Amino acid sequence: MIKARGLRHINLNVRDVGRSLKFYQEAFGLEVKFWEGKTLVFIHSPGVDETITLCQAKADDPVGGGGVSHFGFSIPKNSLDEMVHQIENAGGKLQSRGQHAPGVPYAYFTDPDGYVIELGNS
């Protein structure tokens, strides 16, 4: 059996690639790896290889929750309050916040296109 080595990337259809890029840079500190043309940008967390691609959707392409329930970012311990503030300032909307179990906090946000993003400690 050949086993996968990990998630390579997730592609998100977005209504405005520039707006979405700005959001992910301001909310999570993601950096541009490279652009493919003017409608597809590859972004990642500094120092790691996980990638999100933001793809300019056509008018009738689905965006937001079109099958993806959510994806998550791992954040440093004791940084949830600061990250909540940072993401809201970048244009994210807090959906819920709590604990999965004692000492395991989370927060769910939506990005400008309605994708749900979870924050949690690693």
Protein backbone atom coordinates (compact mmCIF):
# COMPACT_ATOMS: atom_id res chain seq x y z
CA MET A 1 0.00 0.00 0.00
CA ILE A 2 1.27 3.47 -0.90
CA LYS A 3 0.45 5.94 1.88
CA ALA A 4 -0.05 9.66 1.54
CA ARG A 5 2.59 11.80 3.22
CA GLY A 6 0.16 14.51 4.29
CA LEU A 7 -2.17 17.13 2.92
CA ARG A 8 -0.49 18.99 0.05
CA HIS A 9 -2.99 21.80 -0.44
CA ILE A 10 -6.62 22.82 -0.37
CA ASN A 11 -8.04 24.89 -3.23
CA LEU A 12 -10.65 27.51 -2.42
CA ASN A 13 -12.81 29.10 -5.10
CA VAL A 14 -13.15 32.77 -4.18
CA ARG A 15 -15.12 35.70 -5.60
CA ASP A 16 -12.21 38.17 -5.37
CA VAL A 17 -8.71 36.67 -5.23
CA GLY A 18 -7.13 39.96 -4.10
CA ARG A 19 -9.62 40.40 -1.26
CA SER A 20 -9.14 36.80 -0.12
CA LEU A 21 -5.34 37.05 -0.30
CA LYS A 22 -5.42 40.19 1.85
CA PHE A 23 -7.68 38.43 4.37
CA TYR A 24 -5.45 35.35 4.75
CA GLN A 25 -2.33 37.51 5.00
CA GLU A 26 -3.81 39.79 7.68
CA ALA A 27 -5.75 37.13 9.59
CA PHE A 28 -3.17 34.32 9.65
CA GLY A 29 0.12 35.80 8.46
CA LEU A 30 0.17 33.56 5.38
CA GLU A 31 2.70 34.35 2.67
CA VAL A 32 2.59 34.05 -1.11
CA LYS A 33 4.58 31.09 -2.45
CA PHE A 34 3.84 31.98 -6.07
CA TRP A 35 1.16 33.07 -8.52
CA GLU A 36 -0.03 31.06 -11.50
CA GLY A 37 -1.23 33.76 -13.83
CA LYS A 38 -3.47 36.42 -12.29
CA THR A 39 -6.26 34.20 -11.00
CA LEU A 40 -4.51 31.56 -8.87
CA VAL A 41 -2.21 32.23 -5.91
CA PHE A 42 -0.47 29.66 -3.70
CA ILE A 43 -0.11 30.76 -0.05
CA HIS A 44 1.34 29.09 3.04
CA SER A 45 2.32 29.56 6.67
CA PRO A 46 5.95 30.68 7.00
CA GLY A 47 8.30 27.76 7.54
CA VAL A 48 5.87 24.98 6.61
CA ASP A 49 4.79 23.36 3.37
CA GLU A 50 1.00 23.19 3.79
CA THR A 51 -0.56 25.26 1.05
CA ILE A 52 -3.87 26.94 0.29
CA THR A 53 -4.59 27.94 -3.27
CA LEU A 54 -6.99 30.80 -3.85
CA CYS A 55 -8.64 30.50 -7.25
CA GLN A 56 -10.72 33.25 -8.84
CA ALA A 57 -14.14 31.60 -9.32
CA LYS A 58 -16.23 32.04 -12.41
CA ALA A 59 -19.60 33.70 -11.86
CA ASP A 60 -21.48 30.40 -11.57
CA ASP A 61 -18.80 28.43 -9.64
CA PRO A 62 -19.65 27.51 -6.03
CA VAL A 63 -17.79 29.24 -3.20
CA GLY A 64 -18.02 29.01 0.58
CA GLY A 65 -19.59 25.90 2.01
CA GLY A 66 -20.01 24.09 -1.33
CA GLY A 67 -18.99 20.76 0.21
CA VAL A 68 -16.16 21.81 2.53
CA SER A 69 -17.51 21.94 6.09
CA HIS A 70 -14.40 23.65 7.47
CA PHE A 71 -10.62 23.56 7.69
CA GLY A 72 -8.42 24.40 10.64
CA PHE A 73 -5.30 26.25 11.64
CA SER A 74 -3.15 25.28 14.59
CA ILE A 75 -2.22 28.24 16.76
CA PRO A 76 0.16 28.68 19.69
CA LYS A 77 -1.19 28.02 23.19
CA ASN A 78 -2.72 31.04 24.94
CA SER A 79 -3.06 33.02 21.70
CA LEU A 80 -6.77 32.50 20.94
CA ASP A 81 -7.94 35.91 22.21
CA GLU A 82 -5.31 37.73 20.18
CA MET A 83 -6.06 35.66 17.06
CA VAL A 84 -9.81 36.28 17.40
CA HIS A 85 -9.15 40.02 17.45
CA GLN A 86 -6.69 39.79 14.55
CA ILE A 87 -9.09 37.81 12.36
CA GLU A 88 -12.04 40.09 13.09
CA ASN A 89 -9.89 43.11 12.18
CA ALA A 90 -9.03 41.39 8.88
CA GLY A 91 -12.74 40.97 8.05
CA GLY A 92 -13.45 37.49 9.44
CA LYS A 93 -16.71 36.87 11.27
CA LEU A 94 -16.71 34.88 14.51
CA GLN A 95 -19.29 32.06 14.35
CA SER A 96 -18.69 30.27 17.65
CA ARG A 97 -16.14 29.88 20.38
CA GLY A 98 -15.72 27.44 23.24
CA GLN A 99 -13.86 24.32 24.31
CA HIS A 100 -13.94 20.90 22.67
CA ALA A 101 -12.85 19.55 26.07
CA PRO A 102 -11.41 21.21 29.19
CA GLY A 103 -8.29 23.10 28.14
CA VAL A 104 -8.91 22.57 24.40
CA PRO A 105 -10.26 25.92 23.18
CA TYR A 106 -11.53 26.62 19.69
CA ALA A 107 -13.04 29.38 17.60
CA TYR A 108 -14.84 29.14 14.27
CA PHE A 109 -14.84 32.00 11.75
CA THR A 110 -16.04 32.61 8.24
CA ASP A 111 -13.82 34.23 5.65
CA PRO A 112 -15.13 36.80 3.12
CA ASP A 113 -16.53 34.01 0.88
CA GLY A 114 -18.19 32.04 3.69
CA TYR A 115 -15.58 29.30 4.19
CA VAL A 116 -15.53 28.15 7.81
CA ILE A 117 -12.13 28.18 9.51
CA GLU A 118 -11.38 26.62 12.89
CA LEU A 119 -8.63 27.81 15.23
CA GLY A 120 -7.23 25.49 17.85
CA ASN A 121 -4.09 24.61 19.77
CA SER A 122 -1.82 21.96 18.33
